[in-house]
Structure formats: structure tokens, C-alpha cells
Protein backbone atom coordinates (compact mmCIF):
# COMPACT_ATOMS: atom_id res chain seq x y z
CA MET A 1 6.93 10.28 -39.76
CA ARG A 2 8.07 6.96 -41.43
CA LEU A 3 6.04 3.45 -39.72
CA THR A 4 8.16 0.48 -38.95
CA GLY A 5 6.08 -1.38 -41.10
CA GLY A 6 6.49 0.82 -44.23
CA GLY A 7 4.55 3.89 -45.05
CA GLN A 8 4.65 6.97 -43.86
CA LEU A 9 2.06 8.57 -41.07
CA ARG A 10 2.03 12.62 -40.90
CA PHE A 11 2.17 13.73 -37.00
CA ILE A 12 -1.10 15.83 -37.10
CA ASP A 13 -2.74 12.74 -38.60
CA PHE A 14 -1.62 10.59 -36.47
CA CYS A 15 -3.05 13.21 -33.44
CA LYS A 16 -6.25 13.27 -34.69
CA LYS A 17 -6.86 9.48 -34.64
CA LEU A 18 -5.45 9.11 -31.48
CA TYR A 19 -7.96 11.20 -29.94
CA ARG A 20 -10.74 9.95 -32.29
CA GLU A 21 -9.84 6.30 -30.72
CA TYR A 22 -9.47 7.88 -27.24
CA GLU A 23 -13.16 8.99 -27.78
CA HIS A 24 -14.81 6.10 -29.81
CA ASP A 25 -13.08 3.37 -27.47
CA ALA A 26 -13.94 5.41 -23.97
CA VAL A 27 -10.21 4.94 -23.11
CA SER A 28 -11.27 7.12 -20.27
CA ASP A 29 -13.95 5.20 -19.01
CA THR A 30 -12.27 2.25 -19.37
CA SER A 31 -9.17 3.17 -17.13
CA ALA A 32 -11.53 4.27 -14.43
CA GLN A 33 -13.21 0.52 -14.30
CA LEU A 34 -9.42 -0.82 -14.84
CA SER A 35 -8.48 1.23 -11.76
CA TYR A 36 -11.23 -0.09 -9.57
CA TYR A 37 -10.04 -3.65 -11.14
CA LEU A 38 -6.32 -2.86 -10.53
CA LEU A 39 -7.36 -1.66 -6.72
CA PHE A 40 -9.09 -4.73 -5.63
CA SER A 41 -6.21 -7.08 -7.52
CA LEU A 42 -3.27 -5.24 -6.42
CA PHE A 43 -2.96 -6.47 -2.61
CA PRO A 44 -3.79 -10.40 -3.92
CA PHE A 45 -0.29 -9.66 -6.10
CA LEU A 46 1.54 -8.38 -4.01
CA TYR A 47 0.99 -10.70 -0.96
CA PHE A 48 1.52 -13.92 -4.04
CA MET A 49 5.08 -11.97 -4.85
CA ALA A 50 5.52 -11.73 -1.39
CA ALA A 51 5.31 -15.33 -0.73
CA LEU A 52 7.14 -16.62 -4.13
CA ILE A 53 10.36 -13.81 -2.99
CA ALA A 54 10.64 -15.73 -0.01
CA TYR A 55 12.23 -18.16 -1.78
CA LEU A 56 14.67 -16.43 -3.36
CA PRO A 57 18.47 -16.38 -2.18
CA LEU A 58 18.12 -13.08 -0.72
CA GLN A 59 18.59 -11.20 2.80
CA THR A 60 15.44 -9.43 3.71
CA PRO A 61 13.66 -10.35 1.03
CA PHE A 62 10.44 -8.50 1.99
CA GLU A 63 12.32 -5.33 2.81
CA GLN A 64 14.32 -5.65 -1.03
CA LEU A 65 11.05 -5.85 -3.02
CA MET A 66 9.34 -2.84 -1.26
CA ALA A 67 12.61 -0.72 -1.53
CA ARG A 68 12.38 -1.61 -5.26
CA MET A 69 9.01 -0.24 -5.06
CA ARG A 70 9.03 2.77 -3.53
CA PRO A 71 10.71 4.88 -6.27
CA VAL A 72 7.96 4.56 -8.60
CA VAL A 73 5.04 4.67 -6.33
CA PRO A 74 4.07 8.19 -5.01
CA ARG A 75 4.92 8.43 -1.02
CA ASP A 76 1.45 8.17 -0.18
CA ALA A 77 0.09 4.97 -1.68
CA MET A 78 3.16 3.19 -0.90
CA ALA A 79 2.97 3.93 3.19
CA LEU A 80 -0.53 2.49 2.57
CA ILE A 81 0.88 -0.29 0.68
CA ASP A 82 3.77 -0.68 2.99
CA ALA A 83 1.52 -1.24 6.07
CA HIS A 84 -1.06 -3.49 4.24
CA LEU A 85 1.11 -5.89 2.82
CA ARG A 86 3.30 -5.74 6.36
CA ALA A 87 -0.18 -6.76 8.37
CA LEU A 88 -0.41 -9.63 5.71
CA VAL A 89 2.58 -11.27 5.33
CA SER A 90 3.26 -10.93 9.41
CA GLN A 91 0.27 -13.13 9.97
CA PRO A 92 0.86 -16.73 8.31
CA ARG A 93 -1.46 -19.16 8.14
CA PRO A 94 0.44 -23.18 6.36
CA ARG A 95 -2.81 -24.53 6.47
CA VAL A 96 -4.86 -22.08 3.80
CA LEU A 97 -1.50 -21.15 2.12
CA THR A 98 -2.34 -23.14 -1.08
CA LEU A 99 -5.89 -21.97 -1.46
CA ALA A 100 -5.02 -18.36 -0.69
CA LEU A 101 -2.28 -18.16 -3.37
CA VAL A 102 -4.54 -19.70 -5.97
CA GLY A 103 -7.45 -16.97 -4.70
CA SER A 104 -4.50 -14.29 -5.03
CA ILE A 105 -3.63 -15.58 -8.14
CA TRP A 106 -7.22 -15.62 -9.49
CA SER A 107 -7.83 -11.92 -7.93
CA ALA A 108 -4.83 -10.42 -9.61
CA SER A 109 -5.47 -12.06 -12.92
CA ARG A 110 -8.87 -10.24 -12.89
CA GLY A 111 -6.94 -6.46 -13.53
CA VAL A 112 -4.72 -8.11 -16.38
CA ASP A 113 -8.39 -9.52 -18.16
CA ALA A 114 -9.71 -6.01 -17.83
CA VAL A 115 -6.62 -5.26 -20.12
CA ARG A 116 -7.50 -7.88 -22.54
CA ARG A 117 -10.93 -6.25 -23.41
CA ALA A 118 -9.61 -3.03 -23.29
CA LEU A 119 -7.02 -4.11 -26.03
CA ASN A 120 -9.26 -6.04 -28.14
CA LEU A 121 -11.24 -2.67 -28.44
CA ALA A 122 -8.19 -0.64 -29.33
CA TYR A 123 -7.83 -3.28 -32.43
CA ASP A 124 -11.78 -3.25 -33.00
CA VAL A 125 -11.95 -6.63 -33.09
CA THR A 126 -14.40 -9.26 -30.72
CA GLU A 127 -13.46 -11.74 -28.76
CA SER A 128 -13.42 -15.33 -30.45
CA ARG A 129 -11.19 -17.69 -28.18
CA ALA A 130 -13.06 -19.92 -25.73
CA TRP A 131 -13.65 -18.30 -22.01
CA TRP A 132 -11.36 -20.66 -20.43
CA LYS A 133 -8.43 -19.38 -23.04
CA THR A 134 -9.04 -15.86 -21.64
CA GLN A 135 -8.72 -16.73 -18.36
CA VAL A 136 -5.38 -18.85 -18.87
CA ALA A 137 -4.06 -15.97 -20.90
CA ALA A 138 -5.03 -13.56 -17.45
CA VAL A 139 -3.22 -15.86 -14.86
CA GLY A 140 -0.26 -16.67 -17.13
CA MET A 141 0.50 -13.14 -17.68
CA THR A 142 0.12 -12.53 -13.80
CA PHE A 143 2.31 -15.04 -13.49
CA ALA A 144 4.68 -13.92 -15.82
CA GLY A 145 4.72 -10.39 -14.56
CA ALA A 146 5.32 -11.82 -11.25
CA LEU A 147 8.18 -14.17 -12.48
CA LEU A 148 9.90 -10.79 -14.01
CA VAL A 149 9.69 -9.11 -11.39
CA LEU A 150 11.11 -10.84 -9.32
CA VAL A 151 13.89 -12.04 -11.22
CA ALA A 152 14.70 -8.58 -11.96
CA VAL A 153 15.07 -7.65 -7.99
CA ALA A 154 16.82 -10.69 -7.37
CA LEU A 155 19.06 -9.54 -10.03
CA LEU A 156 19.35 -6.15 -8.86
CA VAL A 157 20.25 -7.13 -5.25
CA ALA A 158 22.92 -9.77 -6.37
CA GLY A 159 24.16 -7.56 -8.75
CA GLY A 160 24.57 -4.51 -6.73
CA GLN A 161 26.11 -6.77 -3.91
CA GLY A 162 28.39 -8.55 -6.32
CA GLY A 163 29.80 -4.79 -8.09
CA PHE A 164 30.00 -3.11 -4.70
CA TRP A 165 32.13 -6.23 -3.43
CA LEU A 166 34.12 -5.72 -6.65
CA ALA A 167 34.18 -1.96 -6.25
CA GLY A 168 35.35 -2.15 -2.37
CA LYS A 169 38.20 -4.25 -3.95
CA LEU A 170 39.20 -2.00 -7.14
CA GLY A 171 38.41 1.25 -4.32
CA ILE A 172 35.96 2.93 -6.09
CA GLU A 173 33.04 2.28 -3.79
CA THR A 174 31.67 5.96 -4.01
CA TYR A 175 31.63 6.25 -7.46
CA TYR A 176 30.08 2.72 -7.85
CA VAL A 177 27.08 3.74 -5.52
CA LEU A 178 26.78 6.89 -7.75
CA VAL A 179 26.38 4.89 -10.86
CA MET A 180 23.75 2.19 -9.17
CA ARG A 181 22.01 5.03 -8.00
CA TRP A 182 21.40 6.31 -11.78
CA LEU A 183 21.59 2.98 -13.17
CA ARG A 184 18.04 2.04 -11.30
CA TRP A 185 16.18 4.44 -13.54
CA PRO A 186 16.63 2.45 -16.65
CA LEU A 187 16.70 -0.79 -15.21
CA THR A 188 13.18 -0.67 -14.00
CA ALA A 189 12.25 0.98 -16.96
CA MET A 190 13.54 -1.90 -18.89
CA MET A 191 11.69 -4.46 -16.86
CA ILE A 192 8.41 -2.36 -17.35
CA MET A 193 8.67 -2.49 -21.32
CA THR A 194 8.85 -6.41 -21.24
CA VAL A 195 5.71 -6.76 -19.21
CA ALA A 196 3.76 -4.07 -21.54
CA ALA A 197 5.16 -5.62 -24.42
CA LEU A 198 3.96 -9.07 -23.28
CA ALA A 199 0.80 -7.89 -22.54
CA TYR A 200 0.46 -6.09 -25.75
CA TYR A 201 1.60 -9.55 -27.46
CA PHE A 202 -0.45 -11.85 -25.87
CA LEU A 203 -3.81 -10.30 -24.17
CA PRO A 204 -5.46 -9.27 -27.36
CA ASP A 205 -7.05 -11.65 -29.34
CA VAL A 206 -4.99 -10.66 -32.70
CA LYS A 207 -1.57 -11.98 -34.15
CA GLN A 208 1.11 -9.32 -33.19
CA GLU A 209 4.58 -8.54 -34.51
CA PHE A 210 7.15 -7.54 -31.56
CA LYS A 211 8.05 -4.28 -33.95
CA PHE A 212 4.53 -3.01 -33.68
CA ILE A 213 3.82 -3.24 -30.30
CA THR A 214 7.39 -1.47 -29.49
CA PRO A 215 6.40 2.10 -30.03
CA GLY A 216 3.56 1.74 -27.43
CA SER A 217 6.03 -0.12 -24.69
CA VAL A 218 8.52 2.27 -25.08
CA LEU A 219 6.16 5.12 -25.22
CA GLY A 220 4.17 3.83 -22.42
CA THR A 221 6.55 3.19 -20.08
CA LEU A 222 8.31 6.89 -20.49
CA LEU A 223 5.35 8.21 -19.59
CA TRP A 224 4.09 6.44 -16.91
CA LEU A 225 7.84 7.15 -14.95
CA LEU A 226 7.22 10.70 -15.56
CA THR A 227 3.51 10.92 -14.92
CA THR A 228 4.99 8.61 -11.81
CA TRP A 229 7.05 11.34 -10.54
CA GLY A 230 4.99 14.08 -11.16
CA PHE A 231 1.98 12.54 -9.83
CA GLY A 232 4.51 11.98 -6.10
CA GLN A 233 5.67 15.62 -6.19
CA TYR A 234 2.02 16.92 -6.93
CA VAL A 235 0.72 15.26 -3.83
CA SER A 236 3.76 15.55 -1.79
CA SER A 237 3.62 19.38 -2.11
CA PHE A 238 0.67 20.94 -3.46
CA ALA A 239 -2.42 18.00 -2.56
CA ASP A 240 -2.99 17.28 1.21
CA TYR A 241 -5.58 14.64 0.56
CA ASN A 242 -5.96 13.61 4.06
CA VAL A 243 -7.50 16.92 4.87
CA THR A 244 -10.02 16.14 2.45
CA TYR A 245 -10.52 12.50 2.79
CA GLY A 246 -9.23 11.76 5.87
CA SER A 247 -8.58 8.58 6.49
CA LEU A 248 -9.33 7.63 3.17
CA GLY A 249 -6.58 9.83 1.77
CA GLY A 250 -3.72 7.28 0.88
CA VAL A 251 -6.89 5.03 -0.73
CA ILE A 252 -7.68 8.15 -3.02
CA VAL A 253 -3.95 8.82 -3.75
CA LEU A 254 -3.63 4.93 -4.42
CA LEU A 255 -6.67 4.82 -6.90
CA GLY A 256 -5.45 8.39 -8.50
CA TRP A 257 -2.31 6.72 -9.32
CA LEU A 258 -3.86 3.11 -10.95
CA TYR A 259 -6.18 5.19 -13.15
CA LEU A 260 -3.29 6.99 -14.58
CA SER A 261 -1.22 3.99 -15.05
CA GLY A 262 -4.01 2.21 -16.18
CA PHE A 263 -4.52 5.24 -18.85
CA ILE A 264 -1.47 5.46 -19.99
CA PHE A 265 -0.60 1.62 -20.76
CA LEU A 266 -3.98 1.80 -22.80
CA MET A 267 -3.25 4.94 -25.05
CA GLY A 268 -0.12 3.09 -25.54
CA GLY A 269 -1.70 -0.35 -26.88
CA GLU A 270 -4.18 2.96 -29.13
CA VAL A 271 -1.00 3.97 -30.24
CA ASN A 272 0.08 0.21 -31.45
CA ALA A 273 -2.60 0.25 -33.05
CA ILE A 274 -2.82 2.86 -35.06
CA LEU A 275 0.41 2.55 -36.51
CA GLU A 276 0.20 -1.09 -37.22
CA HIS A 277 -3.14 0.19 -39.25
CA ALA A 278 -1.40 2.60 -40.68
CA ALA A 279 1.71 0.57 -41.81
CA ALA A 280 2.08 -0.86 -45.48
CA THR A 281 2.46 -4.61 -44.00
CA GLY A 282 -0.18 -3.97 -40.80
CA LYS A 283 -3.36 -5.36 -39.62
CA ALA A 284 -6.22 -3.75 -41.34
CA ALA A 285 -8.58 -2.53 -38.32
CA GLY A 286 -11.15 -4.93 -37.74
CA ALA A 287 -8.24 -7.47 -38.64
CA ARG A 288 -6.88 -10.30 -36.58
CA ALA A 289 -3.75 -10.91 -38.56
CA GLU A 290 -1.62 -9.63 -41.60
CA GLY A 291 -3.71 -9.98 -45.27
CA GLU A 292 -6.46 -11.28 -43.41
CA LYS A 293 -10.24 -9.64 -44.38
CA PRO A 294 -11.51 -7.18 -41.27
CA ALA A 295 -14.67 -7.81 -40.44
CA PRO A 296 -17.61 -5.40 -41.80
CA PRO A 297 -17.64 -2.34 -39.60
CA GLU A 298 -21.10 -3.43 -38.19
CA ASP A 299 -19.91 -6.62 -36.79
CA ARG A 300 -16.85 -5.07 -35.11
CA PRO A 301 -16.37 -4.09 -30.65
CA SER A 302 -17.01 -0.35 -31.83
CA ALA A 303 -20.43 -1.11 -33.35
CA MET A 304 -21.77 -3.37 -30.97
CA PRO A 305 -22.03 -4.04 -26.84
CA PRO A 306 -19.23 -3.46 -24.60
CA GLY A 307 -19.44 -6.90 -23.87
CA ALA A 308 -18.37 -8.07 -27.88
CA ALA A 309 -14.85 -7.69 -27.03
CA LYS A 310 -15.17 -9.43 -23.69
CA ASP A 311 -16.51 -12.80 -24.46
CA ALA A 312 -17.10 -14.56 -27.60
CA GLU A 313 -20.36 -15.45 -26.26
CA VAL A 314 -21.38 -12.26 -26.68
CA ALA A 315 -20.75 -11.56 -29.41
CA LYS A 316 -22.10 -14.57 -30.89
CA ASP A 317 -25.55 -13.13 -29.37
CA ALA A 318 -24.72 -10.08 -30.85
CA GLY A 319 -25.02 -11.99 -34.77
CA VAL A 320 -20.91 -11.73 -35.08
CA PRO A 321 -20.35 -14.62 -37.37
CA GLU A 322 -17.43 -16.96 -35.84
CA PRO A 323 -14.29 -16.01 -37.38
CA LYS A 324 -12.11 -18.64 -39.58
CA GLY A 325 -9.07 -19.32 -38.99
CA SER A 326 -9.06 -17.12 -35.32
CA PRO A 327 -6.29 -17.70 -33.23
CA ALA A 328 -5.92 -19.83 -30.60
């Protein structure tokens, strides 16, 4: 197959490289860790979004948010999220709202920070940025993801209401409802692709070009939507987790869905790294920028403690020389 940055890579070679990176970077293990972080950060993130969406000029904004989530979250997991989030937002505490939001943002950003570490492993680079810069990146991506979702919800609702009013004037309400029912999936996919692309661009400690992160964003989004649908069908039709796990059934479904989601988007990052490393104008494995000489194999995270991809201090303690001209 022809690569975006020039050159070619046989599909069979791509599959071999992808499997090798899956094994070397322990993607399945990292996905399990990520699902743990995401489980703890999910409700703070949704609480943060619920607090923000209240300021949008929408009728029943919380219900609109829940309605947009239901098509892309398995039913049992959505029931758990819906019940818990309603309990949170139904007990407002104005005096501690600011503190609660700060805590929610920080907790939610822990899942984003776990993605950063996994993407550093995909590009086989140690973390060279100061601790506070990586935390700013994680919190910034949390804000960006929340705002993108809220803007998308607002546009969908406002656009849908405006379009329905216009369709009513033209006498085509039935056709409009049918079109909007199908149009929500492409719009949802575009929103998810945008969030994934921003994560692939800003989180790893490398200089990126959007042409090299598009394949993983598109493939990851499509696979995620298909997997979410398939997992929801499996849980609804074949698996009764409430029988096996009792009251924890909903939590197990949610955790399984988070694991699959994390696995797919981490593999999207691996796809981006493989395609760029194989391209004529892309970065070499272990390099942070095009044309930069990569670090020696023994100084890369693949040959070092896992913390080397997480923190600059760990990499320094492991004997990695500080990179010259590393991105801020």
C-alpha cells in the first residue's frame, strides 16, 4: 500500500509490524491499565460536562447530553452511568462547586495522561517534557474533549430544531426525521475522529503532522463504533452479567467497554507510528521530529523501565541523555 509520506509498505509487512508492536508495547496490558484509569475518571468527567452544559442555551440540557450518549454506549453501561450521574447532579452544593469541578477535571485528566504514556511507547520515545507540561497537556486535552462534545451536542440540537422548523414549513417533516436519524452517525464519527486526532497530535512527546495521524483516527473511530455496536448486541442478546456478577454486572459491562475502547484507540496510535516510521518523509522510530537522529535502541522505552515513557525524571535516572532541542 502507498504511504501518505511517500514510499510503500506491503500489507502483510504492515500486519507483521503491527503485531510486533502490539506484543512489544504490551498494548493489551496497557489497555487494562487505561480502563482502570478511565473507570475512575469517567464520572468526574461527565460531572464536569454536566456542569458546563447547564450554561448552553438548550432546553433540558442534561437530557440532551444523555440522549447523545445512548447510541454509542452499551445499554447496561448506560443505565449505570445515567443513574449515577443523575444522583450527582440532583444534589447541587454551590459552596463546593468550584472545588468539585477542579477535582473532577484533575481526576478526568488521569485517563488522558495514561493515553500520553501509551503513545510515547508507540513512538518509542522517553518523556522529555517537564512534569508540569505533561499535566497541562492532559488537563488541556480534557477541556478540549469536553468542549468539543458540548459544542457538537449544541449544534446537533440547535441545528435539528431549526431544521425541523424549516421542514415543517416545507411539509417534509417525515423525510427530515429519517435523514437526521441516519445523519447522527456520521456527525458522531466526525466528532470522535476530531478528539482522537487531537489526542494523537498533542499528547505524545513528538512533533506531529496531521497527515500521519489521520489513518489511526479514521480507522480507530470506525472500529470503535462497530465494536461498540457489536459489544452492545452481545451483552443484550447473549450475556447476562447480572446473573454472574450480581449487582456488579453493570460495572463489568462498563469496564469491558472501556477496555475495548482504550485498546482500539491505542492500536490507532500504533498504526500511526508504524505508517509514519515506514514513510519516506516521516520520523524514524525513536525520533521526536522528522530528520532528527533517533535515540540509540538501548536508550528507548522499549529497552528501559516502563516509567521512561511516563516521566522525564525516570528516564534520566535510567541513564538516558537529555535530548537536544526536544519539543516544549
